[in-house]
Structure formats: structure tokens, C-alpha cells
Amino acid sequence: MLKHRGFPGRMPGTDYQFVIRRANPRGVTPITRRERFKDRKPADRRADAAFMRALWEQFGDAPFERGNLDAGRLSWLFGREVVAVDDPFDPADYDALLRIDVDAARHSFPDVFEETWSWE
């Protein structure tokens, strides 16, 4: 499992996890598309935006390996702002390649792509 050096471990000041420390010995947690409903808590929406910001700063529009990125956090963006590169895609593979769909991400998180973005 690739560990993404320099990637934030969590959203600052919260318990919203962005990466995992070690591979799961019982098997890889698969990435699944989770629906984001309009009544989600503001803190959850901020965590999504902070995670997208971290992805954008780390990888830009280049493909990246899932590695130690948290499957739960990726699942909130998967299938919309984060898409599979591999075909066929294995959602339970630490080596799976993903990329940011920049157009979808700009539409969903316009503040992330502004120069004056803040982690708060």
C-alpha cells in the first residue's frame, strides 16, 4: 500500500480522517459511491471540501493511486468528483488508479479552486 507523504492525515481541528495508517489485514475496504443529500451536516460538507482541496493540492488533474487514502472519505466523492482510471476498476485494491474530474469538482466545490481558500 502506497503511503502518500505530505497528505494531511485528517481535517485540521476535527476527527474527519483522510488517510489510514496501515493496510487492513482482513481485507481492503472497497470504495463505494455514497449519496450526498442536501440535508448533510455543514461539518460533513466542510470535510468533503477539505478532502477535495487536499487531493487537488497533492495530485492536481493527474491520476493517483488510492494507497492509504481513506475509503470512507473517498466514497463521498467517488463517481462524481473522483473517478476511476482503470477499466475494469477494482474498488477493493490499494493500487487502483483514480483521478479528479476537474469540471465536476469545480462545479461541486467552487471555493476549493479559488486562491483564497481556507481550511476552516
PDB file of N, CA and C in Angstrom:
ATOM      1  N   MET A   1       0.848  -1.178   0.000  1.00  0.00           N
ATOM      2  CA  MET A   1       0.000   0.000   0.000  1.00  0.00           C
ATOM      3  C   MET A   1       0.894   1.242   0.000  1.00  0.00           C
ATOM      4  N   LEU A   2       0.686   2.082  -0.990  1.00  0.00           N
ATOM      5  CA  LEU A   2       1.426   3.330  -1.092  1.00  0.00           C
ATOM      6  C   LEU A   2       0.951   4.308  -0.027  1.00  0.00           C
ATOM      7  N   LYS A   3       1.906   4.904   0.698  1.00  0.00           N
ATOM      8  CA  LYS A   3       1.565   5.954   1.651  1.00  0.00           C
ATOM      9  C   LYS A   3       1.873   7.296   1.004  1.00  0.00           C
ATOM     10  N   HIS A   4       0.865   8.149   0.924  1.00  0.00           N
ATOM     11  CA  HIS A   4       1.017   9.459   0.292  1.00  0.00           C
ATOM     12  C   HIS A   4       1.660  10.418   1.277  1.00  0.00           C
ATOM     13  N   ARG A   5       2.938  10.605   1.131  1.00  0.00           N
ATOM     14  CA  ARG A   5       3.691  11.503   2.018  1.00  0.00           C
ATOM     15  C   ARG A   5       3.244  12.941   1.781  1.00  0.00           C
ATOM     16  N   GLY A   6       3.083  13.678   2.871  1.00  0.00           N
ATOM     17  CA  GLY A   6       2.689  15.075   2.777  1.00  0.00           C
ATOM     18  C   GLY A   6       1.192  15.296   2.707  1.00  0.00           C
ATOM     19  N   PHE A   7       0.409  14.220   2.578  1.00  0.00           N
ATOM     20  CA  PHE A   7      -1.043  14.350   2.522  1.00  0.00           C
ATOM     21  C   PHE A   7      -1.551  14.486   3.949  1.00  0.00           C
ATOM     22  N   PRO A   8      -2.462  15.440   4.228  1.00  0.00           N
ATOM     23  CA  PRO A   8      -2.940  15.610   5.607  1.00  0.00           C
ATOM     24  C   PRO A   8      -3.643  14.355   6.110  1.00  0.00           C
ATOM     25  N   GLY A   9      -3.396  13.997   7.357  1.00  0.00           N
ATOM     26  CA  GLY A   9      -3.993  12.816   7.948  1.00  0.00           C
ATOM     27  C   GLY A   9      -5.466  12.978   8.259  1.00  0.00           C
ATOM     28  N   ARG A  10      -5.854  14.202   8.523  1.00  0.00           N
ATOM     29  CA  ARG A  10      -7.248  14.493   8.852  1.00  0.00           C
ATOM     30  C   ARG A  10      -7.514  15.967   8.620  1.00  0.00           C
ATOM     31  N   MET A  11      -8.786  16.335   8.687  1.00  0.00           N
ATOM     32  CA  MET A  11      -9.146  17.746   8.584  1.00  0.00           C
ATOM     33  C   MET A  11      -8.706  18.428   9.879  1.00  0.00           C
ATOM     34  N   PRO A  12      -7.926  19.486   9.780  1.00  0.00           N
ATOM     35  CA  PRO A  12      -7.406  20.142  10.982  1.00  0.00           C
ATOM     36  C   PRO A  12      -8.512  20.505  11.982  1.00  0.00           C
ATOM     37  N   GLY A  13      -8.253  20.180  13.248  1.00  0.00           N
ATOM     38  CA  GLY A  13      -9.186  20.523  14.321  1.00  0.00           C
ATOM     39  C   GLY A  13     -10.396  19.613  14.434  1.00  0.00           C
ATOM     40  N   THR A  14     -10.421  18.512  13.675  1.00  0.00           N
ATOM     41  CA  THR A  14     -11.571  17.599  13.695  1.00  0.00           C
ATOM     42  C   THR A  14     -11.085  16.154  13.735  1.00  0.00           C
ATOM     43  N   ASP A  15     -12.031  15.241  13.802  1.00  0.00           N
ATOM     44  CA  ASP A  15     -11.720  13.812  13.707  1.00  0.00           C
ATOM     45  C   ASP A  15     -12.073  13.243  12.343  1.00  0.00           C
ATOM     46  N   TYR A  16     -12.257  14.100  11.343  1.00  0.00           N
ATOM     47  CA  TYR A  16     -12.534  13.625   9.993  1.00  0.00           C
ATOM     48  C   TYR A  16     -11.231  13.125   9.379  1.00  0.00           C
ATOM     49  N   GLN A  17     -11.118  11.805   9.236  1.00  0.00           N
ATOM     50  CA  GLN A  17      -9.909  11.133   8.789  1.00  0.00           C
ATOM     51  C   GLN A  17      -9.782  11.194   7.268  1.00  0.00           C
ATOM     52  N   PHE A  18      -8.553  11.446   6.788  1.00  0.00           N
ATOM     53  CA  PHE A  18      -8.270  11.478   5.356  1.00  0.00           C
ATOM     54  C   PHE A  18      -7.435  10.283   4.901  1.00  0.00           C
ATOM     55  N   VAL A  19      -6.586   9.741   5.775  1.00  0.00           N
ATOM     56  CA  VAL A  19      -5.732   8.604   5.416  1.00  0.00           C
ATOM     57  C   VAL A  19      -5.818   7.533   6.496  1.00  0.00           C
ATOM     58  N   ILE A  20      -5.395   6.325   6.127  1.00  0.00           N
ATOM     59  CA  ILE A  20      -5.303   5.245   7.091  1.00  0.00           C
ATOM     60  C   ILE A  20      -3.825   4.977   7.375  1.00  0.00           C
ATOM     61  N   ARG A  21      -3.530   4.433   8.537  1.00  0.00           N
ATOM     62  CA  ARG A  21      -2.133   4.210   8.924  1.00  0.00           C
ATOM     63  C   ARG A  21      -1.543   2.961   8.296  1.00  0.00           C
ATOM     64  N   ARG A  22      -2.353   1.900   8.229  1.00  0.00           N
ATOM     65  CA  ARG A  22      -1.826   0.634   7.731  1.00  0.00           C
ATOM     66  C   ARG A  22      -2.906  -0.108   6.966  1.00  0.00           C
ATOM     67  N   ALA A  23      -2.483  -1.040   6.153  1.00  0.00           N
ATOM     68  CA  ALA A  23      -3.427  -1.855   5.384  1.00  0.00           C
ATOM     69  C   ALA A  23      -4.258  -2.707   6.329  1.00  0.00           C
ATOM     70  N   ASN A  24      -5.502  -2.929   5.971  1.00  0.00           N
ATOM     71  CA  ASN A  24      -6.399  -3.750   6.772  1.00  0.00           C
ATOM     72  C   ASN A  24      -6.028  -5.221   6.569  1.00  0.00           C
ATOM     73  N   PRO A  25      -5.636  -5.931   7.635  1.00  0.00           N
ATOM     74  CA  PRO A  25      -5.233  -7.330   7.461  1.00  0.00           C
ATOM     75  C   PRO A  25      -6.392  -8.252   7.081  1.00  0.00           C
ATOM     76  N   ARG A  26      -7.629  -7.838   7.316  1.00  0.00           N
ATOM     77  CA  ARG A  26      -8.793  -8.661   6.981  1.00  0.00           C
ATOM     78  C   ARG A  26      -9.309  -8.388   5.576  1.00  0.00           C
ATOM     79  N   GLY A  27      -8.689  -7.497   4.863  1.00  0.00           N
ATOM     80  CA  GLY A  27      -9.124  -7.189   3.501  1.00  0.00           C
ATOM     81  C   GLY A  27      -9.293  -5.694   3.303  1.00  0.00           C
ATOM     82  N   VAL A  28      -9.241  -5.293   2.078  1.00  0.00           N
ATOM     83  CA  VAL A  28      -9.316  -3.886   1.712  1.00  0.00           C
ATOM     84  C   VAL A  28     -10.772  -3.417   1.762  1.00  0.00           C
ATOM     85  N   THR A  29     -11.009  -2.281   2.393  1.00  0.00           N
ATOM     86  CA  THR A  29     -12.349  -1.692   2.398  1.00  0.00           C
ATOM     87  C   THR A  29     -12.633  -1.148   1.004  1.00  0.00           C
ATOM     88  N   PRO A  30     -13.693  -1.611   0.359  1.00  0.00           N
ATOM     89  CA  PRO A  30     -13.969  -1.143  -1.001  1.00  0.00           C
ATOM     90  C   PRO A  30     -14.493   0.294  -1.027  1.00  0.00           C
ATOM     91  N   ILE A  31     -14.197   0.974  -2.108  1.00  0.00           N
ATOM     92  CA  ILE A  31     -14.743   2.313  -2.342  1.00  0.00           C
ATOM     93  C   ILE A  31     -16.115   2.130  -2.979  1.00  0.00           C
ATOM     94  N   THR A  32     -17.123   2.779  -2.428  1.00  0.00           N
ATOM     95  CA  THR A  32     -18.473   2.733  -2.985  1.00  0.00           C
ATOM     96  C   THR A  32     -18.994   4.153  -3.118  1.00  0.00           C
ATOM     97  N   ARG A  33     -19.847   4.368  -4.066  1.00  0.00           N
ATOM     98  CA  ARG A  33     -20.423   5.706  -4.241  1.00  0.00           C
ATOM     99  C   ARG A  33     -21.476   5.954  -3.163  1.00  0.00           C
ATOM    100  N   ARG A  34     -21.287   6.998  -2.381  1.00  0.00           N
ATOM    101  CA  ARG A  34     -22.247   7.380  -1.351  1.00  0.00           C
ATOM    102  C   ARG A  34     -22.989   8.627  -1.812  1.00  0.00           C
ATOM    103  N   GLU A  35     -24.281   8.618  -1.612  1.00  0.00           N
ATOM    104  CA  GLU A  35     -25.091   9.775  -1.999  1.00  0.00           C
ATOM    105  C   GLU A  35     -24.926  10.903  -0.981  1.00  0.00           C
ATOM    106  N   ARG A  36     -24.755  12.110  -1.490  1.00  0.00           N
ATOM    107  CA  ARG A  36     -24.674  13.296  -0.631  1.00  0.00           C
ATOM    108  C   ARG A  36     -26.012  14.019  -0.712  1.00  0.00           C
ATOM    109  N   PHE A  37     -26.794  13.903   0.336  1.00  0.00           N
ATOM    110  CA  PHE A  37     -28.097  14.546   0.361  1.00  0.00           C
ATOM    111  C   PHE A  37     -27.962  15.991   0.829  1.00  0.00           C
ATOM    112  N   LYS A  38     -28.920  16.811   0.457  1.00  0.00           N
ATOM    113  CA  LYS A  38     -28.876  18.241   0.763  1.00  0.00           C
ATOM    114  C   LYS A  38     -28.916  18.533   2.260  1.00  0.00           C
ATOM    115  N   ASP A  39     -29.429  17.592   3.058  1.00  0.00           N
ATOM    116  CA  ASP A  39     -29.542  17.843   4.496  1.00  0.00           C
ATOM    117  C   ASP A  39     -28.322  17.354   5.287  1.00  0.00           C
ATOM    118  N   ARG A  40     -27.192  17.108   4.604  1.00  0.00           N
ATOM    119  CA  ARG A  40     -25.974  16.721   5.324  1.00  0.00           C
ATOM    120  C   ARG A  40     -25.518  17.854   6.221  1.00  0.00           C
ATOM    121  N   LYS A  41     -24.888  17.497   7.329  1.00  0.00           N
ATOM    122  CA  LYS A  41     -24.407  18.495   8.281  1.00  0.00           C
ATOM    123  C   LYS A  41     -23.346  19.387   7.629  1.00  0.00           C
ATOM    124  N   PRO A  42     -23.320  20.667   7.998  1.00  0.00           N
ATOM    125  CA  PRO A  42     -22.293  21.568   7.447  1.00  0.00           C
ATOM    126  C   PRO A  42     -20.876  21.068   7.697  1.00  0.00           C
ATOM    127  N   ALA A  43     -20.634  20.442   8.837  1.00  0.00           N
ATOM    128  CA  ALA A  43     -19.291  19.922   9.124  1.00  0.00           C
ATOM    129  C   ALA A  43     -18.903  18.834   8.125  1.00  0.00           C
ATOM    130  N   ASP A  44     -19.867  17.994   7.740  1.00  0.00           N
ATOM    131  CA  ASP A  44     -19.588  16.950   6.743  1.00  0.00           C
ATOM    132  C   ASP A  44     -19.267  17.572   5.388  1.00  0.00           C
ATOM    133  N   ARG A  45     -19.984  18.624   5.038  1.00  0.00           N
ATOM    134  CA  ARG A  45     -19.716  19.297   3.760  1.00  0.00           C
ATOM    135  C   ARG A  45     -18.346  19.970   3.770  1.00  0.00           C
ATOM    136  N   ARG A  46     -17.972  20.545   4.929  1.00  0.00           N
ATOM    137  CA  ARG A  46     -16.632  21.147   5.035  1.00  0.00           C
ATOM    138  C   ARG A  46     -15.546  20.082   4.916  1.00  0.00           C
ATOM    139  N   ALA A  47     -15.790  18.902   5.491  1.00  0.00           N
ATOM    140  CA  ALA A  47     -14.818  17.808   5.393  1.00  0.00           C
ATOM    141  C   ALA A  47     -14.657  17.361   3.944  1.00  0.00           C
ATOM    142  N   ASP A  48     -15.753  17.271   3.203  1.00  0.00           N
ATOM    143  CA  ASP A  48     -15.678  16.918   1.781  1.00  0.00           C
ATOM    144  C   ASP A  48     -14.835  17.947   1.025  1.00  0.00           C
ATOM    145  N   ALA A  49     -15.086  19.216   1.287  1.00  0.00           N
ATOM    146  CA  ALA A  49     -14.350  20.279   0.604  1.00  0.00           C
ATOM    147  C   ALA A  49     -12.871  20.260   0.990  1.00  0.00           C
ATOM    148  N   ALA A  50     -12.579  20.040   2.258  1.00  0.00           N
ATOM    149  CA  ALA A  50     -11.182  19.997   2.705  1.00  0.00           C
ATOM    150  C   ALA A  50     -10.454  18.811   2.081  1.00  0.00           C
ATOM    151  N   PHE A  51     -11.135  17.663   1.985  1.00  0.00           N
ATOM    152  CA  PHE A  51     -10.518  16.489   1.365  1.00  0.00           C
ATOM    153  C   PHE A  51     -10.281  16.747  -0.123  1.00  0.00           C
ATOM    154  N   MET A  52     -11.242  17.350  -0.796  1.00  0.00           N
ATOM    155  CA  MET A  52     -11.063  17.679  -2.217  1.00  0.00           C
ATOM    156  C   MET A  52      -9.900  18.646  -2.381  1.00  0.00           C
ATOM    157  N   ARG A  53      -9.795  19.610  -1.495  1.00  0.00           N
ATOM    158  CA  ARG A  53      -8.691  20.573  -1.555  1.00  0.00           C
ATOM    159  C   ARG A  53      -7.343  19.857  -1.412  1.00  0.00           C
ATOM    160  N   ALA A  54      -7.283  18.923  -0.456  1.00  0.00           N
ATOM    161  CA  ALA A  54      -6.045  18.175  -0.245  1.00  0.00           C
ATOM    162  C   ALA A  54      -5.701  17.324  -1.474  1.00  0.00           C
ATOM    163  N   LEU A  55      -6.706  16.686  -2.062  1.00  0.00           N
ATOM    164  CA  LEU A  55      -6.476  15.915  -3.291  1.00  0.00           C
ATOM    165  C   LEU A  55      -5.956  16.811  -4.408  1.00  0.00           C
ATOM    166  N   TRP A  56      -6.584  17.968  -4.580  1.00  0.00           N
ATOM    167  CA  TRP A  56      -6.200  18.887  -5.649  1.00  0.00           C
ATOM    168  C   TRP A  56      -4.773  19.390  -5.452  1.00  0.00           C
ATOM    169  N   GLU A  57      -4.431  19.760  -4.205  1.00  0.00           N
ATOM    170  CA  GLU A  57      -3.086  20.260  -3.936  1.00  0.00           C
ATOM    171  C   GLU A  57      -2.031  19.176  -4.122  1.00  0.00           C
ATOM    172  N   GLN A  58      -2.368  17.943  -3.777  1.00  0.00           N
ATOM    173  CA  GLN A  58      -1.409  16.843  -3.867  1.00  0.00           C
ATOM    174  C   GLN A  58      -1.252  16.305  -5.294  1.00  0.00           C
ATOM    175  N   PHE A  59      -2.376  16.150  -6.034  1.00  0.00           N
ATOM    176  CA  PHE A  59      -2.344  15.439  -7.303  1.00  0.00           C
ATOM    177  C   PHE A  59      -2.740  16.274  -8.515  1.00  0.00           C
ATOM    178  N   GLY A  60      -3.478  17.363  -8.320  1.00  0.00           N
ATOM    179  CA  GLY A  60      -3.959  18.135  -9.465  1.00  0.00           C
ATOM    180  C   GLY A  60      -4.854  17.263 -10.330  1.00  0.00           C
ATOM    181  N   ASP A  61      -4.715  17.362 -11.644  1.00  0.00           N
ATOM    182  CA  ASP A  61      -5.558  16.564 -12.534  1.00  0.00           C
ATOM    183  C   ASP A  61      -4.875  15.269 -12.992  1.00  0.00           C
ATOM    184  N   ALA A  62      -3.744  14.929 -12.368  1.00  0.00           N
ATOM    185  CA  ALA A  62      -3.012  13.704 -12.729  1.00  0.00           C
ATOM    186  C   ALA A  62      -3.626  12.483 -12.035  1.00  0.00           C
ATOM    187  N   PRO A  63      -3.533  11.315 -12.657  1.00  0.00           N
ATOM    188  CA  PRO A  63      -4.004  10.096 -11.998  1.00  0.00           C
ATOM    189  C   PRO A  63      -3.186   9.830 -10.734  1.00  0.00           C
ATOM    190  N   PHE A  64      -3.832   9.242  -9.736  1.00  0.00           N
ATOM    191  CA  PHE A  64      -3.142   8.918  -8.491  1.00  0.00           C
ATOM    192  C   PHE A  64      -3.609   7.563  -7.983  1.00  0.00           C
ATOM    193  N   GLU A  65      -2.736   6.940  -7.216  1.00  0.00           N
ATOM    194  CA  GLU A  65      -3.022   5.634  -6.634  1.00  0.00           C
ATOM    195  C   GLU A  65      -3.823   5.819  -5.352  1.00  0.00           C
ATOM    196  N   ARG A  66      -4.793   4.940  -5.127  1.00  0.00           N
ATOM    197  CA  ARG A  66      -5.599   5.021  -3.914  1.00  0.00           C
ATOM    198  C   ARG A  66      -4.717   4.964  -2.670  1.00  0.00           C
ATOM    199  N   GLY A  67      -3.831   4.004  -2.603  1.00  0.00           N
ATOM    200  CA  GLY A  67      -2.893   3.905  -1.494  1.00  0.00           C
ATOM    201  C   GLY A  67      -3.566   3.957  -0.141  1.00  0.00           C
ATOM    202  N   ASN A  68      -3.062   4.836   0.724  1.00  0.00           N
ATOM    203  CA  ASN A  68      -3.581   4.916   2.087  1.00  0.00           C
ATOM    204  C   ASN A  68      -4.689   5.960   2.255  1.00  0.00           C
ATOM    205  N   LEU A  69      -5.288   6.415   1.174  1.00  0.00           N
ATOM    206  CA  LEU A  69      -6.406   7.354   1.282  1.00  0.00           C
ATOM    207  C   LEU A  69      -7.618   6.620   1.853  1.00  0.00           C
ATOM    208  N   ASP A  70      -8.327   7.255   2.763  1.00  0.00           N
ATOM    209  CA  ASP A  70      -9.444   6.638   3.462  1.00  0.00           C
ATOM    210  C   ASP A  70     -10.592   6.318   2.502  1.00  0.00           C
ATOM    211  N   ALA A  71     -11.027   5.050   2.508  1.00  0.00           N
ATOM    212  CA  ALA A  71     -12.099   4.612   1.601  1.00  0.00           C
ATOM    213  C   ALA A  71     -13.412   5.318   1.904  1.00  0.00           C
ATOM    214  N   GLY A  72     -13.712   5.534   3.164  1.00  0.00           N
ATOM    215  CA  GLY A  72     -14.953   6.217   3.525  1.00  0.00           C
ATOM    216  C   GLY A  72     -14.992   7.640   2.999  1.00  0.00           C
ATOM    217  N   ARG A  73     -13.900   8.351   3.148  1.00  0.00           N
ATOM    218  CA  ARG A  73     -13.844   9.739   2.677  1.00  0.00           C
ATOM    219  C   ARG A  73     -13.857   9.774   1.156  1.00  0.00           C
ATOM    220  N   LEU A  74     -13.137   8.860   0.498  1.00  0.00           N
ATOM    221  CA  LEU A  74     -13.157   8.797  -0.966  1.00  0.00           C
ATOM    222  C   LEU A  74     -14.553   8.473  -1.484  1.00  0.00           C
ATOM    223  N   SER A  75     -15.290   7.641  -0.747  1.00  0.00           N
ATOM    224  CA  SER A  75     -16.616   7.213  -1.199  1.00  0.00           C
ATOM    225  C   SER A  75     -17.594   8.378  -1.323  1.00  0.00           C
ATOM    226  N   TRP A  76     -17.411   9.433  -0.526  1.00  0.00           N
ATOM    227  CA  TRP A  76     -18.302  10.596  -0.628  1.00  0.00           C
ATOM    228  C   TRP A  76     -18.087  11.351  -1.933  1.00  0.00           C
ATOM    229  N   LEU A  77     -16.915  11.183  -2.558  1.00  0.00           N
ATOM    230  CA  LEU A  77     -16.598  11.896  -3.803  1.00  0.00           C
ATOM    231  C   LEU A  77     -16.594  10.980  -5.028  1.00  0.00           C
ATOM    232  N   PHE A  78     -16.520   9.667  -4.788  1.00  0.00           N
ATOM    233  CA  PHE A  78     -16.336   8.710  -5.874  1.00  0.00           C
ATOM    234  C   PHE A  78     -17.543   8.673  -6.821  1.00  0.00           C
ATOM    235  N   GLY A  79     -17.242   8.621  -8.097  1.00  0.00           N
ATOM    236  CA  GLY A  79     -18.278   8.557  -9.120  1.00  0.00           C
ATOM    237  C   GLY A  79     -18.762   9.925  -9.561  1.00  0.00           C
ATOM    238  N   ARG A  80     -18.316  10.956  -8.905  1.00  0.00           N
ATOM    239  CA  ARG A  80     -18.665  12.329  -9.272  1.00  0.00           C
ATOM    240  C   ARG A  80     -17.370  13.124  -9.463  1.00  0.00           C
ATOM    241  N   GLU A  81     -16.788  13.587  -8.364  1.00  0.00           N
ATOM    242  CA  GLU A  81     -15.578  14.408  -8.449  1.00  0.00           C
ATOM    243  C   GLU A  81     -14.301  13.572  -8.575  1.00  0.00           C
ATOM    244  N   VAL A  82     -14.330  12.366  -8.064  1.00  0.00           N
ATOM    245  CA  VAL A  82     -13.203  11.439  -8.182  1.00  0.00           C
ATOM    246  C   VAL A  82     -13.687  10.224  -8.973  1.00  0.00           C
ATOM    247  N   VAL A  83     -12.999   9.926 -10.060  1.00  0.00           N
ATOM    248  CA  VAL A  83     -13.422   8.833 -10.939  1.00  0.00           C
ATOM    249  C   VAL A  83     -12.289   7.832 -11.113  1.00  0.00           C
ATOM    250  N   ALA A  84     -12.670   6.620 -11.518  1.00  0.00           N
ATOM    251  CA  ALA A  84     -11.704   5.549 -11.750  1.00  0.00           C
ATOM    252  C   ALA A  84     -10.962   5.779 -13.060  1.00  0.00           C
ATOM    253  N   VAL A  85      -9.699   5.435 -13.070  1.00  0.00           N
ATOM    254  CA  VAL A  85      -8.899   5.470 -14.291  1.00  0.00           C
ATOM    255  C   VAL A  85      -8.863   4.076 -14.905  1.00  0.00           C
ATOM    256  N   ASP A  86      -8.737   3.065 -14.047  1.00  0.00           N
ATOM    257  CA  ASP A  86      -8.640   1.677 -14.503  1.00  0.00           C
ATOM    258  C   ASP A  86      -9.971   1.179 -15.050  1.00  0.00           C
ATOM    259  N   ASP A  87      -9.873   0.320 -16.073  1.00  0.00           N
ATOM    260  CA  ASP A  87     -11.060  -0.348 -16.590  1.00  0.00           C
ATOM    261  C   ASP A  87     -10.684  -1.794 -16.865  1.00  0.00           C
ATOM    262  N   PRO A  88     -11.131  -2.753 -16.132  1.00  0.00           N
ATOM    263  CA  PRO A  88     -12.147  -2.644 -15.083  1.00  0.00           C
ATOM    264  C   PRO A  88     -11.534  -2.119 -13.780  1.00  0.00           C
ATOM    265  N   PHE A  89     -12.358  -1.445 -13.006  1.00  0.00           N
ATOM    266  CA  PHE A  89     -11.939  -0.850 -11.739  1.00  0.00           C
ATOM    267  C   PHE A  89     -12.209  -1.823 -10.598  1.00  0.00           C
ATOM    268  N   ASP A  90     -11.221  -2.030  -9.754  1.00  0.00           N
ATOM    269  CA  ASP A  90     -11.387  -2.869  -8.569  1.00  0.00           C
ATOM    270  C   ASP A  90     -11.505  -1.949  -7.359  1.00  0.00           C
ATOM    271  N   PRO A  91     -12.704  -1.805  -6.781  1.00  0.00           N
ATOM    272  CA  PRO A  91     -12.895  -0.882  -5.662  1.00  0.00           C
ATOM    273  C   PRO A  91     -12.213  -1.330  -4.377  1.00  0.00           C
ATOM    274  N   ALA A  92     -11.715  -2.566  -4.336  1.00  0.00           N
ATOM    275  CA  ALA A  92     -11.048  -3.087  -3.146  1.00  0.00           C
ATOM    276  C   ALA A  92      -9.572  -3.350  -3.428  1.00  0.00           C
ATOM    277  N   ASP A  93      -8.911  -2.397  -4.085  1.00  0.00           N
ATOM    278  CA  ASP A  93      -7.496  -2.543  -4.429  1.00  0.00           C
ATOM    279  C   ASP A  93      -6.767  -1.270  -4.044  1.00  0.00           C
ATOM    280  N   TYR A  94      -5.750  -1.408  -3.185  1.00  0.00           N
ATOM    281  CA  TYR A  94      -4.960  -0.241  -2.781  1.00  0.00           C
ATOM    282  C   TYR A  94      -4.190   0.353  -3.958  1.00  0.00           C
ATOM    283  N   ASP A  95      -3.960  -0.438  -5.007  1.00  0.00           N
ATOM    284  CA  ASP A  95      -3.208   0.038  -6.173  1.00  0.00           C
ATOM    285  C   ASP A  95      -4.094   0.646  -7.259  1.00  0.00           C
ATOM    286  N   ALA A  96      -5.399   0.711  -7.035  1.00  0.00           N
ATOM    287  CA  ALA A  96      -6.329   1.251  -8.037  1.00  0.00           C
ATOM    288  C   ALA A  96      -5.990   2.711  -8.346  1.00  0.00           C
ATOM    289  N   LEU A  97      -6.102   3.068  -9.622  1.00  0.00           N
ATOM    290  CA  LEU A  97      -5.824   4.439 -10.043  1.00  0.00           C
ATOM    291  C   LEU A  97      -7.124   5.249 -10.115  1.00  0.00           C
ATOM    292  N   LEU A  98      -7.045   6.463  -9.596  1.00  0.00           N
ATOM    293  CA  LEU A  98      -8.164   7.406  -9.587  1.00  0.00           C
ATOM    294  C   LEU A  98      -7.679   8.722 -10.155  1.00  0.00           C
ATOM    295  N   ARG A  99      -8.618   9.601 -10.460  1.00  0.00           N
ATOM    296  CA  ARG A  99      -8.254  10.975 -10.851  1.00  0.00           C
ATOM    297  C   ARG A  99      -9.416  11.891 -10.509  1.00  0.00           C
ATOM    298  N   ILE A 100      -9.115  13.162 -10.418  1.00  0.00           N
ATOM    299  CA  ILE A 100     -10.142  14.168 -10.157  1.00  0.00           C
ATOM    300  C   ILE A 100     -10.785  14.554 -11.477  1.00  0.00           C
ATOM    301  N   ASP A 101     -12.111  14.522 -11.535  1.00  0.00           N
ATOM    302  CA  ASP A 101     -12.855  15.064 -12.670  1.00  0.00           C
ATOM    303  C   ASP A 101     -12.960  16.556 -12.389  1.00  0.00           C
ATOM    304  N   VAL A 102     -12.074  17.321 -12.991  1.00  0.00           N
ATOM    305  CA  VAL A 102     -11.922  18.738 -12.651  1.00  0.00           C
ATOM    306  C   VAL A 102     -13.209  19.519 -12.876  1.00  0.00           C
ATOM    307  N   ASP A 103     -13.910  19.274 -13.963  1.00  0.00           N
ATOM    308  CA  ASP A 103     -15.148  20.009 -14.226  1.00  0.00           C
ATOM    309  C   ASP A 103     -16.192  19.732 -13.151  1.00  0.00           C
ATOM    310  N   ALA A 104     -16.374  18.478 -12.784  1.00  0.00           N
ATOM    311  CA  ALA A 104     -17.343  18.126 -11.744  1.00  0.00           C
ATOM    312  C   ALA A 104     -16.914  18.690 -10.397  1.00  0.00           C
ATOM    313  N   ALA A 105     -15.613  18.641 -10.110  1.00  0.00           N
ATOM    314  CA  ALA A 105     -15.115  19.153  -8.833  1.00  0.00           C
ATOM    315  C   ALA A 105     -15.285  20.671  -8.744  1.00  0.00           C
ATOM    316  N   ARG A 106     -15.012  21.379  -9.828  1.00  0.00           N
ATOM    317  CA  ARG A 106     -15.207  22.840  -9.821  1.00  0.00           C
ATOM    318  C   ARG A 106     -16.680  23.195  -9.622  1.00  0.00           C
ATOM    319  N   HIS A 107     -17.566  22.386 -10.195  1.00  0.00           N
ATOM    320  CA  HIS A 107     -18.997  22.635 -10.035  1.00  0.00           C
ATOM    321  C   HIS A 107     -19.450  22.368  -8.594  1.00  0.00           C
ATOM    322  N   SER A 108     -18.981  21.283  -8.002  1.00  0.00           N
ATOM    323  CA  SER A 108     -19.407  20.903  -6.652  1.00  0.00           C
ATOM    324  C   SER A 108     -18.705  21.697  -5.554  1.00  0.00           C
ATOM    325  N   PHE A 109     -17.437  22.041  -5.781  1.00  0.00           N
ATOM    326  CA  PHE A 109     -16.636  22.725  -4.767  1.00  0.00           C
ATOM    327  C   PHE A 109     -15.939  23.950  -5.365  1.00  0.00           C
ATOM    328  N   PRO A 110     -16.701  24.971  -5.756  1.00  0.00           N
ATOM    329  CA  PRO A 110     -16.067  26.118  -6.412  1.00  0.00           C
ATOM    330  C   PRO A 110     -15.047  26.834  -5.524  1.00  0.00           C
ATOM    331  N   ASP A 111     -15.278  26.844  -4.207  1.00  0.00           N
ATOM    332  CA  ASP A 111     -14.355  27.524  -3.304  1.00  0.00           C
ATOM    333  C   ASP A 111     -12.986  26.853  -3.245  1.00  0.00           C
ATOM    334  N   VAL A 112     -12.929  25.560  -3.487  1.00  0.00           N
ATOM    335  CA  VAL A 112     -11.674  24.816  -3.420  1.00  0.00           C
ATOM    336  C   VAL A 112     -10.691  25.317  -4.473  1.00  0.00           C
ATOM    337  N   PHE A 113     -11.197  25.750  -5.607  1.00  0.00           N
ATOM    338  CA  PHE A 113     -10.328  26.122  -6.714  1.00  0.00           C
ATOM    339  C   PHE A 113     -10.021  27.621  -6.756  1.00  0.00           C
ATOM    340  N   GLU A 114     -10.472  28.352  -5.740  1.00  0.00           N
ATOM    341  CA  GLU A 114     -10.117  29.769  -5.621  1.00  0.00           C
ATOM    342  C   GLU A 114      -8.793  29.879  -4.878  1.00  0.00           C
ATOM    343  N   GLU A 115      -8.092  30.936  -5.110  1.00  0.00           N
ATOM    344  CA  GLU A 115      -6.779  31.131  -4.490  1.00  0.00           C
ATOM    345  C   GLU A 115      -6.879  31.427  -2.987  1.00  0.00           C
ATOM    346  N   THR A 116      -8.004  31.926  -2.515  1.00  0.00           N
ATOM    347  CA  THR A 116      -8.122  32.367  -1.124  1.00  0.00           C
ATOM    348  C   THR A 116      -8.850  31.346  -0.269  1.00  0.00           C
ATOM    349  N   TRP A 117      -8.607  30.068  -0.499  1.00  0.00           N
ATOM    350  CA  TRP A 117      -9.300  29.017   0.235  1.00  0.00           C
ATOM    351  C   TRP A 117      -8.694  28.861   1.610  1.00  0.00           C
ATOM    352  N   SER A 118      -9.524  28.531   2.615  1.00  0.00           N
ATOM    353  CA  SER A 118      -9.073  28.354   3.989  1.00  0.00           C
ATOM    354  C   SER A 118      -9.528  26.995   4.515  1.00  0.00           C
ATOM    355  N   TRP A 119      -8.759  26.379   5.383  1.00  0.00           N
ATOM    356  CA  TRP A 119      -9.106  25.080   5.966  1.00  0.00           C
ATOM    357  C   TRP A 119     -10.260  25.178   6.948  1.00  0.00           C
ATOM    358  N   GLU A 120     -10.604  26.346   7.451  1.00  0.00           N
ATOM    359  CA  GLU A 120     -11.684  26.470   8.440  1.00  0.00           C
ATOM    360  C   GLU A 120     -13.035  26.360   7.806  1.00  0.00           C
TER     361      GLU A 120
END
